[in-house]
Amino acid sequence: MGILNGNPKDQPLHYGEVFDIWSFSMKAKGSISVYRAYQYHAGDKDLKKILGDLINQAELESEECDQILIHNGIASSPTLPARPEAKLEDIPVGARLTDPEIAALVSADTAASMVICSQIMGKSIREDIGALFGKYHMTKAAIGLKILEMNKEKGWLVPPPLHVKRPELVEA
């Protein structure tokens, strides 16, 4: 007889899984609010589309994580109030985030989120939890690739120092 056999959804969550799922849901809810603010600041249509994709993904993540928590008798993280809509023209120039700034912020946030997904996958003992965060990781990787391509295309990418000097190959 094995330990924790059967349907993973019927198995208890360990404390680390509870904390990670609750925290991830809270982060997703915060991301929805912040990404909506970024949408109001963004002028570029491609950036707005990616922000829409990020909002949709964060809404899905918070909903799925909350369902797991509630199913296990744990209160979900609080939902933030809806952000009032703003028009780009109404935001003072000195207070406005630029499109390259927003793109850099969502790039870094997406990369950090992938790291968190990997950590949660590594700590999970329930297969369904590991698989769920594997799904989130793959989705974030795909969105991250879109962000990278957009940053390159628009000239917004700020690369680290590039190694351009290469050793000459010697044929034997």
Protein backbone atom coordinates (compact mmCIF):
# COMPACT_ATOMS: atom_id res chain seq x y z
CA MET A 1 0.00 0.00 0.00
CA GLY A 2 1.40 3.36 -1.05
CA ILE A 3 1.22 6.74 0.56
CA LEU A 4 -1.42 9.19 -0.74
CA ASN A 5 -2.74 6.87 -3.45
CA GLY A 6 -5.84 7.50 -5.49
CA ASN A 7 -7.25 10.63 -7.01
CA PRO A 8 -4.92 13.53 -6.16
CA LYS A 9 -7.91 15.87 -5.79
CA ASP A 10 -9.07 13.74 -2.85
CA GLN A 11 -5.68 13.99 -1.11
CA PRO A 12 -4.97 16.70 1.46
CA LEU A 13 -2.81 19.68 0.54
CA HIS A 14 0.35 20.13 2.60
CA TYR A 15 0.95 23.48 4.26
CA GLY A 16 3.42 24.57 1.59
CA GLU A 17 0.91 23.89 -1.16
CA VAL A 18 -1.78 25.83 0.71
CA PHE A 19 0.53 28.81 1.19
CA ASP A 20 1.77 28.72 -2.42
CA ILE A 21 -1.70 28.44 -3.95
CA TRP A 22 -3.08 31.20 -1.71
CA SER A 23 -0.09 33.47 -2.43
CA PHE A 24 -0.23 32.77 -6.16
CA SER A 25 -3.94 33.65 -6.20
CA MET A 26 -3.22 36.89 -4.33
CA LYS A 27 -0.43 37.76 -6.78
CA ALA A 28 -2.72 37.03 -9.73
CA LYS A 29 -5.39 39.34 -8.31
CA GLY A 30 -2.81 42.08 -7.81
CA SER A 31 -1.56 41.55 -11.35
CA ILE A 32 -5.06 42.02 -12.76
CA SER A 33 -5.24 45.43 -11.09
CA VAL A 34 -1.74 46.49 -12.12
CA TYR A 35 -2.05 45.22 -15.71
CA ARG A 36 -5.33 47.15 -16.09
CA ALA A 37 -3.52 50.29 -14.95
CA TYR A 38 -0.78 49.55 -17.49
CA GLN A 39 -3.45 49.21 -20.19
CA TYR A 40 -4.64 52.73 -19.41
CA HIS A 41 -1.08 54.02 -19.74
CA ALA A 42 -0.20 52.02 -22.86
CA GLY A 43 -0.50 53.58 -26.29
CA ASP A 44 0.82 50.74 -28.45
CA LYS A 45 -1.86 48.34 -29.72
CA ASP A 46 0.42 45.27 -29.56
CA LEU A 47 1.33 46.04 -25.97
CA LYS A 48 -2.35 46.49 -25.09
CA LYS A 49 -3.11 43.09 -26.66
CA ILE A 50 -0.40 41.39 -24.57
CA LEU A 51 -1.68 43.15 -21.45
CA GLY A 52 -5.14 41.79 -22.26
CA ASP A 53 -3.66 38.29 -22.55
CA LEU A 54 -1.89 38.74 -19.20
CA ILE A 55 -5.12 39.92 -17.54
CA ASN A 56 -7.07 36.96 -18.93
CA GLN A 57 -4.39 34.55 -17.70
CA ALA A 58 -4.29 36.13 -14.24
CA GLU A 59 -8.09 35.92 -13.98
CA LEU A 60 -7.95 32.21 -14.88
CA GLU A 61 -5.15 31.56 -12.37
CA SER A 62 -6.91 33.29 -9.49
CA GLU A 63 -10.17 31.49 -10.26
CA GLU A 64 -8.56 28.05 -10.49
CA CYS A 65 -6.44 28.54 -7.37
CA ASP A 66 -9.43 29.82 -5.41
CA GLN A 67 -11.47 26.78 -6.46
CA ILE A 68 -8.77 24.47 -5.08
CA LEU A 69 -8.58 26.39 -1.83
CA ILE A 70 -12.35 26.46 -1.34
CA HIS A 71 -12.63 22.75 -2.21
CA ASN A 72 -10.13 22.10 0.60
CA GLY A 73 -11.94 24.29 3.13
CA ILE A 74 -9.51 27.22 2.96
CA ALA A 75 -10.60 30.82 2.51
CA SER A 76 -9.34 32.34 -0.72
CA SER A 77 -7.32 35.53 -0.92
CA PRO A 78 -9.27 38.80 -1.03
CA THR A 79 -10.23 40.28 -4.37
CA LEU A 80 -9.12 43.84 -5.00
CA PRO A 81 -11.70 46.47 -5.94
CA ALA A 82 -12.09 47.14 -9.65
CA ARG A 83 -9.85 49.88 -10.91
CA PRO A 84 -11.71 52.84 -12.43
CA GLU A 85 -11.11 53.29 -16.15
CA ALA A 86 -8.82 56.08 -17.31
CA LYS A 87 -7.99 57.49 -20.71
CA LEU A 88 -4.39 57.88 -21.82
CA GLU A 89 -4.96 61.55 -22.61
CA ASP A 90 -6.14 62.21 -19.05
CA ILE A 91 -2.92 60.92 -17.46
CA PRO A 92 -0.42 63.77 -16.94
CA VAL A 93 2.75 63.33 -18.97
CA GLY A 94 4.98 63.29 -15.88
CA ALA A 95 2.87 60.57 -14.28
CA ARG A 96 2.43 58.45 -17.40
CA LEU A 97 4.33 55.20 -17.82
CA THR A 98 5.81 54.82 -21.28
CA ASP A 99 5.28 51.77 -23.46
CA PRO A 100 8.93 50.63 -23.13
CA GLU A 101 8.67 50.93 -19.33
CA ILE A 102 5.48 48.87 -19.25
CA ALA A 103 6.99 46.26 -21.57
CA ALA A 104 10.06 45.95 -19.33
CA LEU A 105 7.91 45.64 -16.20
CA VAL A 106 5.70 42.89 -17.65
CA SER A 107 8.78 41.10 -19.02
CA ALA A 108 10.36 40.98 -15.57
CA ASP A 109 7.07 40.02 -13.90
CA THR A 110 6.47 37.19 -16.38
CA ALA A 111 9.99 35.84 -15.86
CA ALA A 112 9.61 35.98 -12.06
CA SER A 113 6.24 34.24 -12.30
CA MET A 114 7.81 31.39 -14.27
CA VAL A 115 10.36 30.91 -11.47
CA ILE A 116 7.58 30.78 -8.87
CA CYS A 117 5.64 28.25 -10.97
CA SER A 118 8.75 26.06 -11.13
CA GLN A 119 9.26 26.29 -7.36
CA ILE A 120 5.65 25.34 -6.67
CA MET A 121 5.91 22.41 -9.09
CA GLY A 122 9.02 21.21 -7.27
CA LYS A 123 7.40 21.40 -3.83
CA SER A 124 4.09 19.82 -4.76
CA ILE A 125 3.31 16.27 -3.76
CA ARG A 126 -0.12 16.32 -5.39
CA GLU A 127 0.22 15.59 -9.09
CA ASP A 128 -2.71 17.84 -10.00
CA ILE A 129 -1.08 20.83 -8.30
CA GLY A 130 2.26 20.21 -10.04
CA ALA A 131 0.49 19.81 -13.38
CA LEU A 132 -1.56 22.99 -12.86
CA PHE A 133 1.54 25.07 -12.21
CA GLY A 134 3.27 23.34 -15.12
CA LYS A 135 0.41 24.59 -17.30
CA TYR A 136 0.80 28.10 -15.90
CA HIS A 137 4.55 27.93 -16.53
CA MET A 138 4.07 26.95 -20.18
CA THR A 139 1.49 29.69 -20.72
CA LYS A 140 3.77 32.28 -19.16
CA ALA A 141 6.66 31.07 -21.32
CA ALA A 142 4.53 31.53 -24.45
CA ILE A 143 3.44 35.02 -23.38
CA GLY A 144 7.03 35.84 -22.42
CA LEU A 145 8.14 34.91 -25.94
CA LYS A 146 5.51 37.26 -27.40
CA ILE A 147 6.75 40.03 -25.13
CA LEU A 148 10.37 39.40 -26.16
CA GLU A 149 9.49 39.43 -29.87
CA MET A 150 7.51 42.66 -29.42
CA ASN A 151 10.37 44.30 -27.48
CA LYS A 152 12.84 43.40 -30.22
CA GLU A 153 10.53 44.48 -33.03
CA LYS A 154 9.77 47.86 -31.46
CA GLY A 155 13.34 48.56 -30.34
CA TRP A 156 12.38 48.46 -26.65
CA LEU A 157 14.68 45.62 -25.63
CA VAL A 158 17.53 46.71 -23.37
CA PRO A 159 19.96 43.80 -23.61
CA PRO A 160 22.68 43.08 -21.11
CA PRO A 161 26.25 43.54 -22.38
CA LEU A 162 26.59 41.47 -25.53
CA HIS A 163 29.54 39.16 -26.08
CA VAL A 164 30.45 39.92 -29.69
CA LYS A 165 34.10 38.86 -29.75
CA ARG A 166 34.26 35.19 -30.55
CA PRO A 167 37.35 33.00 -30.65
CA GLU A 168 38.51 32.00 -34.09
CA LEU A 169 37.96 28.36 -34.90
CA VAL A 170 41.11 26.44 -35.69
CA GLU A 171 40.67 23.51 -38.04
CA ALA A 172 42.69 20.46 -37.15
